[in-house]
Amino acid sequence: MWALVLARAGVEVCLKHDNQLPTAAVKLRSGIVLLHRLASRCPKPPIPVSATRGNHGQSLAFAGSRFGIPLTVVVP
């Protein structure tokens, strides 16, 4: 709980801190979960392909490097 936010709002506040994640996006979690499951189910997983211009692509790239899974992100 951030004291200044609490004082300003006057009520209990729950904050989602996207800026605390490596890509500054909450979608990072989705890529990690997806590629972790893929890596744990397949000894040699297929190469994922995604088309995105946003945070999802960053999430996949981060997770791919973390789990050693090559992938393709197409930016339309």
N, C-alpha and C. Protein backbone atom coordinates (compact mmCIF):
# COMPACT_ATOMS: atom_id res chain seq x y z
N MET A 1 0.85 -1.18 0.00
CA MET A 1 0.00 0.00 0.00
C MET A 1 0.89 1.23 0.00
N TRP A 2 0.67 2.12 -0.90
CA TRP A 2 1.45 3.34 -0.97
C TRP A 2 0.76 4.40 -0.12
N ALA A 3 1.47 4.92 0.86
CA ALA A 3 0.89 5.86 1.82
C ALA A 3 0.33 7.11 1.15
N LEU A 4 1.02 7.65 0.16
CA LEU A 4 0.54 8.87 -0.50
C LEU A 4 -0.76 8.62 -1.27
N VAL A 5 -0.86 7.48 -1.92
CA VAL A 5 -2.08 7.15 -2.66
C VAL A 5 -3.23 6.98 -1.68
N LEU A 6 -2.98 6.27 -0.59
CA LEU A 6 -3.99 6.04 0.43
C LEU A 6 -4.47 7.37 1.02
N ALA A 7 -3.53 8.24 1.34
CA ALA A 7 -3.88 9.54 1.92
C ALA A 7 -4.70 10.37 0.94
N ARG A 8 -4.34 10.35 -0.30
CA ARG A 8 -5.05 11.14 -1.32
C ARG A 8 -6.45 10.59 -1.59
N ALA A 9 -6.58 9.26 -1.67
CA ALA A 9 -7.86 8.64 -1.98
C ALA A 9 -8.79 8.61 -0.78
N GLY A 10 -8.23 8.47 0.40
CA GLY A 10 -9.04 8.41 1.60
C GLY A 10 -9.71 7.05 1.82
N VAL A 11 -9.40 6.09 0.97
CA VAL A 11 -9.93 4.72 1.10
C VAL A 11 -8.80 3.75 0.78
N GLU A 12 -9.02 2.46 1.11
CA GLU A 12 -8.02 1.45 0.79
C GLU A 12 -7.95 1.29 -0.74
N VAL A 13 -6.74 1.28 -1.27
CA VAL A 13 -6.54 1.21 -2.71
C VAL A 13 -5.61 0.04 -3.03
N CYS A 14 -5.98 -0.75 -4.03
CA CYS A 14 -5.11 -1.82 -4.52
C CYS A 14 -4.58 -1.38 -5.88
N LEU A 15 -3.27 -1.41 -6.03
CA LEU A 15 -2.65 -0.94 -7.27
C LEU A 15 -2.05 -2.10 -8.05
N LYS A 16 -2.14 -2.02 -9.35
CA LYS A 16 -1.50 -3.00 -10.24
C LYS A 16 -0.28 -2.29 -10.83
N HIS A 17 0.90 -2.75 -10.48
CA HIS A 17 2.12 -2.07 -10.88
C HIS A 17 2.74 -2.73 -12.11
N ASP A 18 2.22 -2.41 -13.29
CA ASP A 18 2.79 -2.95 -14.51
C ASP A 18 4.24 -2.50 -14.69
N ASN A 19 4.57 -1.33 -14.20
CA ASN A 19 5.93 -0.80 -14.37
C ASN A 19 6.98 -1.58 -13.59
N GLN A 20 6.57 -2.51 -12.73
CA GLN A 20 7.52 -3.31 -11.97
C GLN A 20 7.93 -4.59 -12.69
N LEU A 21 7.31 -4.88 -13.83
CA LEU A 21 7.61 -6.08 -14.60
C LEU A 21 8.71 -5.79 -15.61
N PRO A 22 9.45 -6.80 -16.07
CA PRO A 22 10.56 -6.57 -16.99
C PRO A 22 10.18 -5.85 -18.29
N THR A 23 8.97 -6.06 -18.80
CA THR A 23 8.57 -5.37 -20.03
C THR A 23 7.58 -4.26 -19.74
N ALA A 24 7.35 -3.94 -18.49
CA ALA A 24 6.40 -2.91 -18.06
C ALA A 24 4.99 -3.20 -18.54
N ALA A 25 4.64 -4.48 -18.63
CA ALA A 25 3.31 -4.86 -19.09
C ALA A 25 2.81 -6.08 -18.34
N VAL A 26 1.55 -6.05 -17.94
CA VAL A 26 0.97 -7.17 -17.22
C VAL A 26 0.83 -8.39 -18.12
N LYS A 27 0.79 -8.20 -19.42
CA LYS A 27 0.67 -9.33 -20.34
C LYS A 27 1.90 -10.23 -20.30
N LEU A 28 2.94 -9.80 -19.67
CA LEU A 28 4.14 -10.62 -19.55
C LEU A 28 3.79 -11.98 -18.97
N ARG A 29 2.90 -11.98 -18.01
CA ARG A 29 2.50 -13.21 -17.34
C ARG A 29 1.91 -14.22 -18.32
N SER A 30 1.10 -13.76 -19.26
CA SER A 30 0.44 -14.68 -20.19
C SER A 30 1.46 -15.42 -21.06
N GLY A 31 2.48 -14.72 -21.53
CA GLY A 31 3.50 -15.37 -22.35
C GLY A 31 4.31 -16.38 -21.56
N ILE A 32 4.62 -16.04 -20.31
CA ILE A 32 5.38 -16.96 -19.46
C ILE A 32 4.57 -18.23 -19.19
N VAL A 33 3.31 -18.07 -18.86
CA VAL A 33 2.45 -19.23 -18.58
C VAL A 33 2.32 -20.09 -19.83
N LEU A 34 2.04 -19.47 -20.95
CA LEU A 34 1.86 -20.20 -22.21
C LEU A 34 3.11 -21.01 -22.58
N LEU A 35 4.25 -20.36 -22.59
CA LEU A 35 5.47 -21.05 -23.01
C LEU A 35 5.99 -22.02 -21.95
N HIS A 36 5.73 -21.76 -20.68
CA HIS A 36 6.09 -22.71 -19.63
C HIS A 36 5.31 -24.01 -19.82
N ARG A 37 4.01 -23.88 -20.08
CA ARG A 37 3.19 -25.08 -20.31
C ARG A 37 3.64 -25.83 -21.56
N LEU A 38 3.94 -25.08 -22.61
CA LEU A 38 4.40 -25.69 -23.86
C LEU A 38 5.71 -26.44 -23.61
N ALA A 39 6.65 -25.81 -22.92
CA ALA A 39 7.95 -26.42 -22.65
C ALA A 39 7.83 -27.65 -21.76
N SER A 40 6.90 -27.61 -20.80
CA SER A 40 6.77 -28.75 -19.88
C SER A 40 6.03 -29.92 -20.51
N ARG A 41 5.26 -29.69 -21.56
CA ARG A 41 4.50 -30.77 -22.20
C ARG A 41 5.21 -31.38 -23.39
N CYS A 42 6.11 -30.63 -24.00
CA CYS A 42 6.78 -31.11 -25.21
C CYS A 42 8.29 -31.01 -25.03
N PRO A 43 9.02 -32.13 -25.20
CA PRO A 43 10.48 -32.04 -25.09
C PRO A 43 11.08 -31.12 -26.16
N LYS A 44 10.50 -31.16 -27.36
CA LYS A 44 10.92 -30.25 -28.43
C LYS A 44 9.66 -29.56 -28.95
N PRO A 45 9.27 -28.45 -28.31
CA PRO A 45 8.01 -27.81 -28.67
C PRO A 45 8.03 -27.22 -30.08
N PRO A 46 6.84 -27.12 -30.70
CA PRO A 46 6.77 -26.46 -32.00
C PRO A 46 7.09 -24.98 -31.84
N ILE A 47 7.45 -24.34 -32.92
CA ILE A 47 7.79 -22.91 -32.87
C ILE A 47 6.50 -22.08 -32.90
N PRO A 48 6.21 -21.37 -31.80
CA PRO A 48 5.01 -20.54 -31.78
C PRO A 48 5.14 -19.35 -32.72
N VAL A 49 4.01 -18.96 -33.31
CA VAL A 49 3.95 -17.78 -34.17
C VAL A 49 2.79 -16.92 -33.67
N SER A 50 3.03 -15.63 -33.52
CA SER A 50 1.99 -14.72 -33.08
C SER A 50 2.05 -13.44 -33.90
N ALA A 51 0.90 -12.86 -34.18
CA ALA A 51 0.82 -11.56 -34.85
C ALA A 51 0.32 -10.54 -33.84
N THR A 52 1.14 -9.56 -33.55
CA THR A 52 0.78 -8.56 -32.55
C THR A 52 1.65 -7.32 -32.72
N ARG A 53 1.11 -6.19 -32.31
CA ARG A 53 1.90 -4.95 -32.29
C ARG A 53 2.05 -4.44 -30.86
N GLY A 54 1.69 -5.27 -29.90
CA GLY A 54 1.65 -4.76 -28.53
C GLY A 54 2.42 -5.58 -27.53
N ASN A 55 1.94 -5.51 -26.31
CA ASN A 55 2.61 -6.13 -25.18
C ASN A 55 2.67 -7.64 -25.26
N HIS A 56 1.72 -8.26 -25.94
CA HIS A 56 1.73 -9.72 -26.05
C HIS A 56 3.01 -10.20 -26.75
N GLY A 57 3.44 -9.49 -27.78
CA GLY A 57 4.68 -9.84 -28.47
C GLY A 57 5.89 -9.73 -27.56
N GLN A 58 5.93 -8.69 -26.74
CA GLN A 58 7.02 -8.54 -25.77
C GLN A 58 7.01 -9.70 -24.77
N SER A 59 5.80 -10.06 -24.37
CA SER A 59 5.65 -11.15 -23.42
C SER A 59 6.17 -12.46 -23.99
N LEU A 60 5.83 -12.75 -25.24
CA LEU A 60 6.29 -13.98 -25.88
C LEU A 60 7.81 -13.97 -26.07
N ALA A 61 8.35 -12.85 -26.50
CA ALA A 61 9.80 -12.75 -26.71
C ALA A 61 10.55 -12.96 -25.39
N PHE A 62 10.08 -12.34 -24.32
CA PHE A 62 10.70 -12.50 -23.02
C PHE A 62 10.64 -13.95 -22.56
N ALA A 63 9.45 -14.54 -22.65
CA ALA A 63 9.27 -15.92 -22.20
C ALA A 63 10.06 -16.90 -23.08
N GLY A 64 10.09 -16.65 -24.39
CA GLY A 64 10.84 -17.52 -25.29
C GLY A 64 12.32 -17.55 -24.92
N SER A 65 12.87 -16.39 -24.61
CA SER A 65 14.28 -16.34 -24.23
C SER A 65 14.49 -17.01 -22.87
N ARG A 66 13.52 -16.91 -22.00
CA ARG A 66 13.61 -17.51 -20.67
C ARG A 66 13.60 -19.04 -20.72
N PHE A 67 12.76 -19.60 -21.62
CA PHE A 67 12.61 -21.06 -21.71
C PHE A 67 13.38 -21.67 -22.88
N GLY A 68 14.12 -20.85 -23.61
CA GLY A 68 14.90 -21.37 -24.74
C GLY A 68 14.04 -21.87 -25.89
N ILE A 69 12.88 -21.24 -26.08
CA ILE A 69 11.98 -21.63 -27.17
C ILE A 69 12.04 -20.55 -28.25
N PRO A 70 12.51 -20.92 -29.45
CA PRO A 70 12.50 -19.93 -30.51
C PRO A 70 11.05 -19.67 -30.93
N LEU A 71 10.76 -18.46 -31.32
CA LEU A 71 9.41 -18.14 -31.76
C LEU A 71 9.45 -17.02 -32.79
N THR A 72 8.32 -16.81 -33.43
CA THR A 72 8.20 -15.76 -34.43
C THR A 72 7.08 -14.82 -34.01
N VAL A 73 7.37 -13.53 -33.95
CA VAL A 73 6.36 -12.52 -33.70
C VAL A 73 6.28 -11.66 -34.95
N VAL A 74 5.11 -11.67 -35.58
CA VAL A 74 4.88 -10.89 -36.79
C VAL A 74 4.20 -9.60 -36.38
N VAL A 75 4.75 -8.48 -36.81
CA VAL A 75 4.17 -7.18 -36.50
C VAL A 75 3.45 -6.68 -37.75
N PRO A 76 2.10 -6.75 -37.74
CA PRO A 76 1.35 -6.33 -38.93
C PRO A 76 1.42 -4.83 -39.16
